[in-house]
C-alpha atoms as a PDB file:
ATOM      1  CA  MET A   1      47.633 104.947  25.102  1.00  0.00           C
ATOM      2  CA  ALA A   2      45.935 105.133  28.474  1.00  0.00           C
ATOM      3  CA  SER A   3      47.485 106.439  31.654  1.00  0.00           C
ATOM      4  CA  GLY A   4      47.598 104.051  34.610  1.00  0.00           C
ATOM      5  CA  SER A   5      44.236 102.389  35.189  1.00  0.00           C
ATOM      6  CA  SER A   6      42.314 105.069  33.273  1.00  0.00           C
ATOM      7  CA  ALA A   7      41.020 104.796  29.726  1.00  0.00           C
ATOM      8  CA  TYR A   8      42.158 108.394  29.177  1.00  0.00           C
ATOM      9  CA  VAL A   9      45.640 109.566  28.228  1.00  0.00           C
ATOM     10  CA  PHE A  10      45.097 112.592  30.480  1.00  0.00           C
ATOM     11  CA  PRO A  11      42.824 111.391  33.295  1.00  0.00           C
ATOM     12  CA  ALA A  12      41.425 113.679  35.973  1.00  0.00           C
ATOM     13  CA  ARG A  13      43.819 114.129  38.890  1.00  0.00           C
ATOM     14  CA  ARG A  14      41.058 113.374  41.363  1.00  0.00           C
ATOM     15  CA  ALA A  15      37.876 111.337  41.041  1.00  0.00           C
ATOM     16  CA  ALA A  16      35.327 113.475  39.250  1.00  0.00           C
ATOM     17  CA  LYS A  17      31.828 112.565  38.182  1.00  0.00           C
ATOM     18  CA  ARG A  18      31.499 115.426  35.734  1.00  0.00           C
ATOM     19  CA  PHE A  19      34.809 114.990  33.871  1.00  0.00           C
ATOM     20  CA  PRO A  20      36.696 111.665  34.129  1.00  0.00           C
ATOM     21  CA  HIS A  21      39.318 113.259  31.872  1.00  0.00           C
ATOM     22  CA  VAL A  22      41.161 116.571  32.208  1.00  0.00           C
ATOM     23  CA  SER A  23      38.590 119.281  32.818  1.00  0.00           C
ATOM     24  CA  PRO A  24      38.118 122.040  30.215  1.00  0.00           C
ATOM     25  CA  ASP A  25      39.423 124.576  32.745  1.00  0.00           C
ATOM     26  CA  THR A  26      42.650 122.712  33.517  1.00  0.00           C
ATOM     27  CA  LEU A  27      44.630 124.433  30.771  1.00  0.00           C
ATOM     28  CA  ASN A  28      43.282 127.867  31.704  1.00  0.00           C
ATOM     29  CA  VAL A  29      44.283 127.342  35.349  1.00  0.00           C
ATOM     30  CA  THR A  30      47.752 126.193  34.283  1.00  0.00           C
ATOM     31  CA  LEU A  31      48.162 129.133  31.906  1.00  0.00           C
ATOM     32  CA  ARG A  32      47.140 131.528  34.673  1.00  0.00           C
ATOM     33  CA  SER A  33      49.867 130.145  36.924  1.00  0.00           C
ATOM     34  CA  LEU A  34      52.447 130.542  34.133  1.00  0.00           C
ATOM     35  CA  ALA A  35      51.252 133.935  32.862  1.00  0.00           C
ATOM     36  CA  HIS A  36      54.386 135.841  33.912  1.00  0.00           C
ATOM     37  CA  GLY A  37      52.983 139.335  33.573  1.00  0.00           C
ATOM     38  CA  LEU A  38      50.237 138.690  31.039  1.00  0.00           C
ATOM     39  CA  ASP A  39      47.009 140.360  32.134  1.00  0.00           C
ATOM     40  CA  HIS A  40      44.742 137.806  30.501  1.00  0.00           C
ATOM     41  CA  PHE A  41      45.457 134.692  28.503  1.00  0.00           C
ATOM     42  CA  ALA A  42      43.169 131.744  27.799  1.00  0.00           C
ATOM     43  CA  VAL A  43      43.242 128.577  25.722  1.00  0.00           C
ATOM     44  CA  HIS A  44      41.020 130.368  23.207  1.00  0.00           C
ATOM     45  CA  ASP A  45      43.950 132.710  22.501  1.00  0.00           C
ATOM     46  CA  PHE A  46      45.793 129.742  20.971  1.00  0.00           C
ATOM     47  CA  ARG A  47      42.889 129.329  18.553  1.00  0.00           C
ATOM     48  CA  ARG A  48      43.094 132.972  17.493  1.00  0.00           C
ATOM     49  CA  THR A  49      46.867 132.759  17.143  1.00  0.00           C
ATOM     50  CA  MET A  50      46.576 129.613  15.017  1.00  0.00           C
ATOM     51  CA  ARG A  51      44.052 131.286  12.753  1.00  0.00           C
ATOM     52  CA  SER A  52      46.217 134.390  12.329  1.00  0.00           C
ATOM     53  CA  GLU A  53      49.345 132.380  11.573  1.00  0.00           C
ATOM     54  CA  LEU A  54      47.630 130.028   9.105  1.00  0.00           C
ATOM     55  CA  SER A  55      45.929 132.958   7.405  1.00  0.00           C
ATOM     56  CA  GLY A  56      49.337 134.579   6.991  1.00  0.00           C
ATOM     57  CA  LEU A  57      50.518 131.380   5.303  1.00  0.00           C
ATOM     58  CA  GLY A  58      47.689 131.648   2.772  1.00  0.00           C
ATOM     59  CA  VAL A  59      45.275 129.038   4.143  1.00  0.00           C
ATOM     60  CA  TRP A  60      41.763 129.674   2.805  1.00  0.00           C
ATOM     61  CA  ALA A  61      39.343 131.524   5.076  1.00  0.00           C
ATOM     62  CA  ASP A  62      36.606 128.877   4.722  1.00  0.00           C
ATOM     63  CA  LEU A  63      39.027 126.141   5.781  1.00  0.00           C
ATOM     64  CA  LEU A  64      40.137 128.230   8.775  1.00  0.00           C
ATOM     65  CA  GLN A  65      36.513 128.718   9.842  1.00  0.00           C
ATOM     66  CA  THR A  66      35.932 124.983   9.585  1.00  0.00           C
ATOM     67  CA  LEU A  67      39.014 124.244  11.695  1.00  0.00           C
ATOM     68  CA  GLU A  68      37.969 126.821  14.285  1.00  0.00           C
ATOM     69  CA  ARG A  69      34.568 125.229  14.687  1.00  0.00           C
ATOM     70  CA  GLY A  70      36.092 121.740  14.918  1.00  0.00           C
ATOM     71  CA  GLU A  71      34.181 120.456  11.903  1.00  0.00           C
ATOM     72  CA  LYS A  72      35.314 118.047   9.246  1.00  0.00           C
ATOM     73  CA  TYR A  73      36.294 119.821   6.034  1.00  0.00           C
ATOM     74  CA  LYS A  74      34.461 118.435   3.031  1.00  0.00           C
ATOM     75  CA  VAL A  75      36.613 117.955  -0.037  1.00  0.00           C
ATOM     76  CA  VAL A  76      33.739 119.150  -2.237  1.00  0.00           C
ATOM     77  CA  SER A  77      33.930 122.560  -0.561  1.00  0.00           C
ATOM     78  CA  ILE A  78      37.469 123.189  -1.786  1.00  0.00           C
ATOM     79  CA  PRO A  79      37.297 125.920  -4.428  1.00  0.00           C
ATOM     80  CA  VAL A  80      38.114 125.007  -8.020  1.00  0.00           C
ATOM     81  CA  ARG A  81      41.275 127.144  -7.821  1.00  0.00           C
ATOM     82  CA  ALA A  82      42.571 124.709  -5.214  1.00  0.00           C
ATOM     83  CA  ALA A  83      42.416 121.756  -7.593  1.00  0.00           C
ATOM     84  CA  ALA A  84      45.162 123.198  -9.788  1.00  0.00           C
ATOM     85  CA  TRP A  85      47.289 124.004  -6.749  1.00  0.00           C
ATOM     86  CA  LEU A  86      46.832 120.533  -5.241  1.00  0.00           C
ATOM     87  CA  CYS A  87      47.648 118.787  -8.530  1.00  0.00           C
ATOM     88  CA  ALA A  88      50.658 120.960  -9.371  1.00  0.00           C
ATOM     89  CA  PRO A  89      54.096 119.344  -9.089  1.00  0.00           C
ATOM     90  CA  GLY A  90      55.366 119.870  -5.564  1.00  0.00           C
ATOM     91  CA  GLY A  91      51.866 120.906  -4.354  1.00  0.00           C
END
């Protein structure tokens, strides 16, 4: 679903050769303007928060590392203990 005449959903606000889409710093700049008393906060903090929350829910450490790095998780890397959990009724 593109925005206006752009092929991107979130196009750059001004013509940019380097990034025709939203620049990697856009979220950090926005967060800085909304910080409301936070000394430092960056998009990377969302990644750490996600990892902490998912870990607390029992998500496997190797899966969390894979998600953090943005890799595809290979089904063959799921531990054998997961097979029973995945096949259990309601699992």
